Amino acid sequence: MTVSGKTNGRPSAGSVSRRGFLAGASVAAAAVIAPQAARGYQANSKVRIGLAGCGGRGTWIAGLFQQHGGYELAAVADYFQDRVDRCGEKFGVAPSRRFPGLKGYQRMLDSGIDALVIESPPYFHPEQAAAGVAAGKHVYVAKPIAVDVPGCISIEQSGRQATEKGLCFLVDFQTRADPFYIEAIRRVHEGALGDFAFGESTYHAGIPWVGQAEAAKEAATNAEARLRAWGVDQVLSGDIITEQNIHTLDVASWIMDTPPVCAFGAGGQKVRDYGNCWDTFSVTFQYPDNVGIAFSSRQFNGHGSQPEGIRNRMFGAKGVLETAYGGDVLIRGENFHRGGSSPAIYKEGAVANIATFHNSIQAGDCKNPTVAPSVRSNLVTILGRTAAYRGEVVYWENLLKSTEKLEADLRGLKS
């Protein structure tokens, strides 16, 4: 796979077309909305949030919103009655403001909330985000934003529409809010590594979603069981490269600051015996100037092997950037930068994003800068997934033309 060289041996943002929908996000983000234009918020009052998705992370992050002090959890929605009741009881949400069913979030949007917090399975994120913006609500959405290309385009459109309507729209990536990542990657973009040579990106983890194993065994014949086992469902989650591995591929995308040219990969379900998600991916992403990033992931016991977790390395003519999620972030070489570590990055990053969301609403700052990079990173995961599924080289420009939408058969579920 060979690509013509670009200037100065480093990728430039203009070297590969991002298509109109990615460019549109940057244009929309340039608009600054006056504070009085922010919808659904009165100065010095708490922002009334509605939570869509009352599973483990949804309930956990609801607690962080509550701890902030500037929010009121006014309503909750989830397909499952037991989940909305458990979350509602924990945070004092009245039974009349707990909305079960597939369309429970729609009824919640009509209940007088100011902002929608989306922590549902990724398959539902584009639909719920679009509905939130259409209803005039600020939107806070977990990664990944979507499971397919049309979903990514939908999120980009929702983000642009939010800016046009004076609404805040934030995508929650913890590393993007971490001061050590921010400073180190700023230095890289200013030339601390010199010309890029190659990179490495890994996400090596144990077996997640163990609690979904029993439900997964019934998923083929029971739609509710499938929904409970969404984390091991290729369509509902986007597979592990999109649902989980996006953390490390987002960092790689952040470092490169331009889309890849193409990807080639492999993988499969090698160890886990439930669900249909793969438990390993190996993908090579080729960027402009023939810079390759070798990515690998696993979701099974590594028997003490290292490195574990989310790690990235980018090698250049003058040094190397090393990052570890929850570990050290530093630059070695001619422009040494000691950096630091945030062991509690999972929580601290979410806390920082929750504060940014509140500050943006309060100030009426609706530039929504997290949307465009999140769309690109999500598309990078889909590029790698598609290349691995097909076992062939897939080009970025061709991927962006895809209209293939992952469809889940949810017949039989109550609305």
Protein backbone atom coordinates (compact mmCIF):
# COMPACT_ATOMS: atom_id res chain seq x y z
CA MET A 1 0.00 0.00 0.00
CA THR A 2 1.78 3.13 -1.19
CA VAL A 3 0.63 6.71 -0.98
CA SER A 4 2.35 9.71 -2.51
CA GLY A 5 4.40 11.77 -0.06
CA LYS A 6 3.28 15.03 1.49
CA THR A 7 5.27 18.05 2.60
CA ASN A 8 7.69 17.95 5.53
CA GLY A 9 7.15 14.26 6.21
CA ARG A 10 4.14 14.92 8.46
CA PRO A 11 0.48 14.50 7.60
CA SER A 12 -1.46 17.67 6.94
CA ALA A 13 -5.14 18.12 7.61
CA GLY A 14 -5.79 18.79 3.96
CA SER A 15 -3.91 15.78 2.61
CA VAL A 16 -6.96 13.53 2.52
CA SER A 17 -10.49 14.77 1.87
CA ARG A 18 -12.77 14.54 4.89
CA ARG A 19 -15.81 15.13 2.69
CA GLY A 20 -18.32 17.83 3.20
CA PHE A 21 -19.91 16.45 6.31
CA LEU A 22 -16.68 16.64 8.32
CA ALA A 23 -15.84 20.07 6.97
CA GLY A 24 -19.33 21.23 7.83
CA ALA A 25 -18.79 20.56 11.50
CA SER A 26 -15.80 22.88 11.59
CA VAL A 27 -17.72 25.63 9.84
CA ALA A 28 -20.65 25.27 12.19
CA ALA A 29 -18.36 25.26 15.18
CA ALA A 30 -17.08 28.71 14.24
CA ALA A 31 -20.36 30.32 15.23
CA VAL A 32 -20.54 31.74 18.74
CA ILE A 33 -24.01 31.89 20.23
CA ALA A 34 -24.93 34.62 22.68
CA PRO A 35 -25.69 33.36 26.21
CA GLN A 36 -29.33 34.35 26.00
CA ALA A 37 -29.73 32.11 22.93
CA ALA A 38 -29.04 28.90 24.85
CA ARG A 39 -32.25 26.90 24.93
CA GLY A 40 -33.97 25.51 27.99
CA TYR A 41 -31.76 27.13 30.61
CA GLN A 42 -32.30 29.99 33.00
CA ALA A 43 -29.26 31.72 34.49
CA ASN A 44 -28.34 30.58 38.01
CA SER A 45 -30.75 27.62 37.91
CA LYS A 46 -29.91 23.95 37.75
CA VAL A 47 -29.90 22.24 34.39
CA ARG A 48 -32.66 19.63 34.37
CA ILE A 49 -31.26 16.50 32.73
CA GLY A 50 -32.96 13.39 31.44
CA LEU A 51 -30.90 10.19 31.38
CA ALA A 52 -31.40 7.76 28.47
CA GLY A 53 -29.81 4.47 29.51
CA CYS A 54 -29.93 3.33 33.13
CA GLY A 55 -27.43 0.48 33.01
CA GLY A 56 -24.19 0.37 34.95
CA ARG A 57 -22.42 3.32 33.34
CA GLY A 58 -25.60 5.36 32.99
CA THR A 59 -26.37 5.06 36.69
CA TRP A 60 -22.73 5.75 37.56
CA ILE A 61 -22.53 8.90 35.46
CA ALA A 62 -25.87 10.12 36.82
CA GLY A 63 -24.15 10.22 40.19
CA LEU A 64 -21.37 12.38 38.76
CA PHE A 65 -23.89 14.82 37.31
CA GLN A 66 -25.55 15.00 40.71
CA GLN A 67 -22.23 15.55 42.50
CA HIS A 68 -21.45 18.49 40.21
CA GLY A 69 -24.17 20.52 41.88
CA GLY A 70 -25.36 22.35 38.79
CA TYR A 71 -27.72 19.66 37.56
CA GLU A 72 -30.98 18.06 38.59
CA LEU A 73 -31.72 14.51 37.43
CA ALA A 74 -35.32 15.22 36.43
CA ALA A 75 -36.21 12.06 34.51
CA VAL A 76 -34.82 8.66 33.49
CA ALA A 77 -35.50 6.38 30.53
CA ASP A 78 -34.47 2.83 29.66
CA TYR A 79 -36.14 -0.02 27.84
CA PHE A 80 -36.27 -2.10 31.02
CA GLN A 81 -38.64 -1.17 33.84
CA ASP A 82 -36.35 -2.66 36.48
CA ARG A 83 -33.52 -0.38 35.40
CA VAL A 84 -35.51 2.85 35.37
CA ASP A 85 -36.93 1.95 38.78
CA ARG A 86 -33.54 1.10 40.26
CA CYS A 87 -31.98 4.31 38.93
CA GLY A 88 -35.02 6.39 39.81
CA GLU A 89 -35.11 5.13 43.36
CA LYS A 90 -31.40 5.75 43.80
CA PHE A 91 -31.64 9.40 42.76
CA GLY A 92 -35.13 10.26 43.95
CA VAL A 93 -36.81 10.46 40.55
CA ALA A 94 -40.58 10.14 40.92
CA PRO A 95 -42.24 7.06 39.36
CA SER A 96 -44.18 9.35 37.01
CA ARG A 97 -40.86 10.55 35.58
CA ARG A 98 -39.45 7.10 34.84
CA PHE A 99 -39.98 6.15 31.20
CA PRO A 100 -39.56 2.51 30.10
CA GLY A 101 -39.76 1.12 26.55
CA LEU A 102 -37.88 1.72 23.30
CA LYS A 103 -39.48 5.14 22.91
CA GLY A 104 -39.33 6.02 26.58
CA TYR A 105 -36.68 8.61 25.80
CA GLN A 106 -39.15 10.37 23.47
CA ARG A 107 -41.69 10.68 26.26
CA MET A 108 -38.90 11.91 28.52
CA LEU A 109 -38.03 14.65 26.01
CA ASP A 110 -41.58 15.95 26.39
CA SER A 111 -41.37 15.99 30.19
CA GLY A 112 -39.74 19.39 30.68
CA ILE A 113 -36.02 18.55 30.73
CA ASP A 114 -33.29 20.94 29.53
CA ALA A 115 -30.65 18.43 28.44
CA LEU A 116 -30.48 14.82 27.28
CA VAL A 117 -27.70 12.56 28.59
CA ILE A 118 -27.30 9.51 26.31
CA GLU A 119 -25.81 6.38 27.90
CA SER A 120 -27.78 3.78 25.95
CA PRO A 121 -26.28 1.10 23.66
CA PRO A 122 -24.39 2.81 20.80
CA TYR A 123 -26.85 1.58 18.16
CA PHE A 124 -29.41 4.05 19.53
CA HIS A 125 -27.16 7.10 19.89
CA PRO A 126 -27.78 8.78 16.50
CA GLU A 127 -31.56 8.45 16.76
CA GLN A 128 -31.68 9.71 20.33
CA ALA A 129 -29.27 12.58 19.71
CA ALA A 130 -31.23 13.74 16.67
CA ALA A 131 -34.47 13.62 18.65
CA GLY A 132 -32.88 15.58 21.49
CA VAL A 133 -31.69 18.38 19.22
CA ALA A 134 -35.01 18.45 17.36
CA ALA A 135 -36.76 18.87 20.73
CA GLY A 136 -34.49 21.81 21.61
CA LYS A 137 -32.42 19.99 24.24
CA HIS A 138 -28.71 20.16 24.93
CA VAL A 139 -27.07 16.76 24.33
CA TYR A 140 -24.34 14.92 26.22
CA VAL A 141 -23.52 11.61 24.54
CA ALA A 142 -21.18 8.76 25.44
CA LYS A 143 -18.72 7.32 22.99
CA PRO A 144 -19.03 5.66 20.55
CA ILE A 145 -21.42 7.98 18.81
CA ALA A 146 -22.61 5.42 16.26
CA VAL A 147 -22.10 1.92 14.87
CA ASP A 148 -22.07 2.71 11.12
CA VAL A 149 -21.25 5.46 8.63
CA PRO A 150 -24.84 6.77 8.30
CA GLY A 151 -24.97 7.02 12.09
CA CYS A 152 -21.76 9.06 12.14
CA ILE A 153 -23.17 11.40 9.51
CA SER A 154 -26.35 11.73 11.56
CA ILE A 155 -24.36 12.72 14.66
CA GLU A 156 -22.38 15.29 12.65
CA GLN A 157 -25.65 16.75 11.40
CA SER A 158 -27.11 16.82 14.90
CA GLY A 159 -24.02 18.60 16.20
CA ARG A 160 -24.21 21.20 13.43
CA GLN A 161 -27.93 21.71 14.01
CA ALA A 162 -27.30 22.08 17.72
CA THR A 163 -24.85 24.91 17.05
CA GLU A 164 -27.32 26.57 14.69
CA LYS A 165 -30.07 26.35 17.33
CA GLY A 166 -27.91 27.58 20.22
CA LEU A 167 -27.65 24.17 21.88
CA CYS A 168 -24.65 22.49 23.45
CA PHE A 169 -23.60 19.06 22.17
CA LEU A 170 -20.71 17.24 23.88
CA VAL A 171 -19.18 13.82 23.19
CA ASP A 172 -17.62 12.25 26.29
CA PHE A 173 -14.04 11.07 25.68
CA GLN A 174 -12.08 11.09 28.95
CA THR A 175 -8.62 11.40 27.37
CA ARG A 176 -9.66 14.53 25.45
CA ALA A 177 -10.23 16.26 28.81
CA ASP A 178 -6.99 15.07 30.45
CA PRO A 179 -4.36 17.82 30.90
CA PHE A 180 -1.41 15.47 30.34
CA TYR A 181 -2.77 14.18 27.03
CA ILE A 182 -3.72 17.70 25.95
CA GLU A 183 -0.26 19.15 26.65
CA ALA A 184 1.73 16.25 25.18
CA ILE A 185 -0.26 16.13 21.96
CA ARG A 186 -0.07 19.92 21.67
CA ARG A 187 3.71 19.60 21.75
CA VAL A 188 3.60 16.84 19.14
CA HIS A 189 1.52 19.02 16.84
CA GLU A 190 4.11 21.78 17.30
CA GLY A 191 6.86 19.45 16.07
CA ALA A 192 8.30 17.82 19.20
CA LEU A 193 8.68 14.47 17.40
CA GLY A 194 9.79 15.85 14.06
CA ASP A 195 8.63 13.87 11.04
CA PHE A 196 6.40 10.94 11.97
CA ALA A 197 7.81 7.47 11.23
CA PHE A 198 5.29 4.95 12.58
CA GLY A 199 2.93 4.36 15.48
CA GLU A 200 1.51 1.65 17.68
CA SER A 201 -1.94 1.53 19.24
CA THR A 202 -3.14 -1.23 21.57
CA TYR A 203 -6.16 -2.10 23.66
CA HIS A 204 -5.48 -5.32 25.53
CA ALA A 205 -8.16 -6.14 28.07
CA GLY A 206 -9.68 -9.06 29.90
CA ILE A 207 -13.15 -10.45 29.28
CA PRO A 208 -15.85 -7.79 29.75
CA TRP A 209 -19.60 -8.23 29.82
CA VAL A 210 -19.41 -11.47 31.81
CA GLY A 211 -22.76 -10.54 33.33
CA GLN A 212 -24.29 -10.62 29.86
CA ALA A 213 -23.25 -14.20 29.10
CA GLU A 214 -26.55 -15.87 30.03
CA ALA A 215 -28.67 -13.32 28.18
CA ALA A 216 -26.41 -13.64 25.13
CA LYS A 217 -27.23 -17.35 24.88
CA GLU A 218 -30.90 -16.46 24.35
CA ALA A 219 -30.31 -13.43 22.13
CA ALA A 220 -31.01 -15.22 18.85
CA THR A 221 -34.62 -15.97 19.81
CA ASN A 222 -35.39 -13.37 22.48
CA ALA A 223 -35.22 -9.65 21.60
CA GLU A 224 -35.18 -8.55 25.25
CA ALA A 225 -32.30 -10.91 25.99
CA ARG A 226 -30.47 -9.48 22.99
CA LEU A 227 -30.94 -5.97 24.34
CA ARG A 228 -29.62 -6.99 27.76
CA ALA A 229 -26.58 -8.55 26.06
CA TRP A 230 -25.91 -5.56 23.80
CA GLY A 231 -22.22 -5.41 24.76
CA VAL A 232 -21.47 -8.67 22.92
CA ASP A 233 -23.78 -7.94 19.97
CA GLN A 234 -22.03 -6.75 16.81
CA VAL A 235 -24.91 -4.53 15.69
CA LEU A 236 -25.96 -3.00 19.00
CA SER A 237 -22.38 -2.29 20.13
CA GLY A 238 -20.53 -1.86 16.82
CA ASP A 239 -18.17 -4.69 17.89
CA ILE A 240 -15.26 -4.21 20.29
CA ILE A 241 -13.18 -2.09 17.91
CA THR A 242 -15.89 0.57 17.91
CA GLU A 243 -17.46 0.17 21.34
CA GLN A 244 -14.30 -0.25 23.45
CA ASN A 245 -11.17 0.11 21.32
CA ILE A 246 -12.26 3.55 20.15
CA HIS A 247 -10.45 4.93 23.21
CA THR A 248 -7.02 4.09 21.81
CA LEU A 249 -7.91 4.77 18.18
CA ASP A 250 -9.24 8.18 19.19
CA VAL A 251 -5.84 9.00 20.68
CA ALA A 252 -4.14 7.84 17.46
CA SER A 253 -6.53 9.97 15.41
CA TRP A 254 -5.88 12.93 17.70
CA ILE A 255 -2.12 12.55 17.25
CA MET A 256 -2.33 12.24 13.48
CA ASP A 257 -4.89 15.05 13.10
CA THR A 258 -5.94 13.75 9.69
CA PRO A 259 -7.85 10.69 8.47
CA PRO A 260 -6.06 7.53 7.40
CA VAL A 261 -5.79 6.73 3.72
CA CYS A 262 -6.71 3.07 4.09
CA ALA A 263 -6.62 0.05 6.38
CA PHE A 264 -6.10 -3.69 6.23
CA GLY A 265 -6.84 -6.10 9.05
CA ALA A 266 -7.79 -9.45 10.50
CA GLY A 267 -9.25 -10.90 13.68
CA GLY A 268 -12.13 -13.00 14.90
CA GLN A 269 -13.90 -14.55 17.85
CA LYS A 270 -11.06 -16.71 19.09
CA VAL A 271 -11.77 -17.29 22.78
CA ARG A 272 -15.11 -15.96 24.03
CA ASP A 273 -17.90 -18.48 23.55
CA TYR A 274 -20.95 -16.19 23.78
CA GLY A 275 -22.22 -13.27 21.73
CA ASN A 276 -21.07 -12.59 18.19
CA CYS A 277 -18.55 -9.78 18.74
CA TRP A 278 -14.97 -10.53 17.85
CA ASP A 279 -12.54 -10.72 20.75
CA THR A 280 -9.44 -9.71 18.79
CA PHE A 281 -8.55 -7.28 16.00
CA SER A 282 -5.23 -6.63 14.26
CA VAL A 283 -5.32 -3.69 11.85
CA THR A 284 -2.73 -1.60 10.05
CA PHE A 285 -3.83 1.95 9.28
CA GLN A 286 -1.90 3.76 6.57
CA TYR A 287 -1.73 7.54 6.87
CA PRO A 288 -0.32 10.14 4.45
CA ASP A 289 3.46 10.05 3.93
CA ASN A 290 3.37 6.25 4.32
CA VAL A 291 3.07 6.52 8.08
CA GLY A 292 1.64 3.28 9.42
CA ILE A 293 -0.08 2.67 12.75
CA ALA A 294 -0.23 -0.93 13.90
CA PHE A 295 -3.31 -1.54 16.05
CA SER A 296 -4.20 -4.63 18.06
CA SER A 297 -6.83 -5.47 20.62
CA ARG A 298 -8.04 -8.41 22.64
CA GLN A 299 -10.83 -9.21 25.07
CA PHE A 300 -9.53 -12.33 26.74
CA ASN A 301 -7.02 -13.34 29.38
CA GLY A 302 -3.51 -12.25 28.47
CA HIS A 303 -1.93 -14.50 31.13
CA GLY A 304 0.08 -11.67 32.63
CA SER A 305 1.27 -10.25 29.32
CA GLN A 306 2.04 -6.56 28.95
CA PRO A 307 1.14 -3.98 27.90
CA GLU A 308 -2.38 -3.98 29.23
CA GLY A 309 -5.11 -1.49 28.52
CA ILE A 310 -5.02 1.57 26.34
CA ARG A 311 -1.56 2.49 25.05
CA ASN A 312 -0.25 4.52 22.14
CA ARG A 313 3.24 5.22 20.85
CA MET A 314 4.18 7.51 18.00
CA PHE A 315 7.78 7.44 16.79
CA GLY A 316 9.33 10.39 15.00
CA ALA A 317 12.70 11.65 13.84
CA LYS A 318 13.27 13.50 17.12
CA GLY A 319 11.58 11.31 19.69
CA VAL A 320 8.63 9.19 20.72
CA LEU A 321 5.32 10.00 22.37
CA GLU A 322 4.11 7.36 24.84
CA THR A 323 0.63 7.42 26.36
CA ALA A 324 -1.14 5.03 28.71
CA TYR A 325 -4.76 5.45 29.80
CA GLY A 326 -4.46 6.00 33.54
CA GLY A 327 -0.66 5.79 33.28
CA ASP A 328 2.26 7.91 32.14
CA VAL A 329 1.99 10.34 29.24
CA LEU A 330 5.41 11.59 28.16
CA ILE A 331 7.72 12.47 25.27
CA ARG A 332 11.20 10.94 25.06
CA GLY A 333 13.97 12.26 22.86
CA GLU A 334 15.35 15.63 21.85
CA ASN A 335 12.33 17.49 23.23
CA PHE A 336 11.86 15.53 26.43
CA HIS A 337 8.61 16.22 28.27
CA ARG A 338 7.99 14.45 31.55
CA GLY A 339 4.24 14.88 31.47
CA GLY A 340 2.42 12.95 34.15
CA SER A 341 -0.33 10.46 34.85
CA SER A 342 -4.01 10.47 35.82
CA PRO A 343 -4.70 7.12 37.50
CA ALA A 344 -8.38 8.05 37.91
CA ILE A 345 -8.79 9.27 34.32
CA TYR A 346 -12.01 7.30 33.75
CA LYS A 347 -13.77 9.27 36.45
CA GLU A 348 -11.80 12.51 36.26
CA GLY A 349 -12.29 12.79 32.50
CA ALA A 350 -16.04 12.35 32.85
CA VAL A 351 -16.14 14.88 35.70
CA ALA A 352 -14.24 17.39 33.55
CA ASN A 353 -16.59 16.86 30.61
CA ILE A 354 -19.64 17.24 32.83
CA ALA A 355 -18.24 20.55 34.09
CA THR A 356 -17.47 21.71 30.54
CA PHE A 357 -21.01 20.83 29.45
CA HIS A 358 -22.47 22.88 32.31
CA ASN A 359 -20.15 25.83 31.69
CA SER A 360 -20.98 25.81 27.98
CA ILE A 361 -24.71 25.82 28.67
CA GLN A 362 -24.33 28.60 31.21
CA ALA A 363 -22.21 30.73 28.88
CA GLY A 364 -24.23 29.96 25.77
CA ASP A 365 -21.03 28.66 24.14
CA CYS A 366 -22.38 26.33 21.47
CA LYS A 367 -19.33 25.91 19.23
CA ASN A 368 -19.44 22.19 20.14
CA PRO A 369 -15.80 21.37 19.30
CA THR A 370 -15.98 17.70 20.37
CA VAL A 371 -18.26 16.68 17.50
CA ALA A 372 -15.95 16.72 14.46
CA PRO A 373 -13.01 14.82 16.04
CA SER A 374 -15.41 12.29 17.56
CA VAL A 375 -17.00 11.64 14.17
CA ARG A 376 -13.58 11.12 12.61
CA SER A 377 -12.40 8.76 15.35
CA ASN A 378 -15.61 6.75 15.14
CA LEU A 379 -15.16 6.44 11.38
CA VAL A 380 -11.57 5.26 11.91
CA THR A 381 -12.88 2.36 13.99
CA ILE A 382 -15.43 1.50 11.30
CA LEU A 383 -12.68 1.61 8.66
CA GLY A 384 -10.62 -0.87 10.69
CA ARG A 385 -13.63 -3.08 11.40
CA THR A 386 -14.67 -3.16 7.75
CA ALA A 387 -11.15 -4.01 6.59
CA ALA A 388 -10.89 -6.84 9.13
CA TYR A 389 -14.36 -8.23 8.37
CA ARG A 390 -13.67 -8.24 4.63
CA GLY A 391 -10.02 -9.26 4.83
CA GLU A 392 -9.08 -6.65 2.25
CA VAL A 393 -7.75 -3.11 1.94
CA VAL A 394 -10.50 -0.53 2.50
CA TYR A 395 -9.94 3.11 1.56
CA TRP A 396 -11.20 6.04 3.61
CA GLU A 397 -12.76 7.81 0.65
CA ASN A 398 -14.71 4.68 -0.29
CA LEU A 399 -15.83 4.14 3.29
CA LEU A 400 -17.33 7.63 3.42
CA LYS A 401 -19.57 6.71 0.48
CA SER A 402 -21.08 3.79 2.38
CA THR A 403 -24.81 3.84 2.95
CA GLU A 404 -24.80 0.47 4.70
CA LYS A 405 -26.72 0.73 7.95
CA LEU A 406 -26.47 -1.95 10.61
CA GLU A 407 -29.99 -3.10 11.43
CA ALA A 408 -31.12 -4.87 14.60
CA ASP A 409 -34.29 -6.93 14.53
CA LEU A 410 -36.08 -5.57 17.58
CA ARG A 411 -39.52 -6.87 16.72
CA GLY A 412 -41.48 -7.85 19.76
CA LEU A 413 -40.04 -5.15 21.99
CA LYS A 414 -42.52 -2.76 23.57
CA SER A 415 -42.38 0.87 22.64
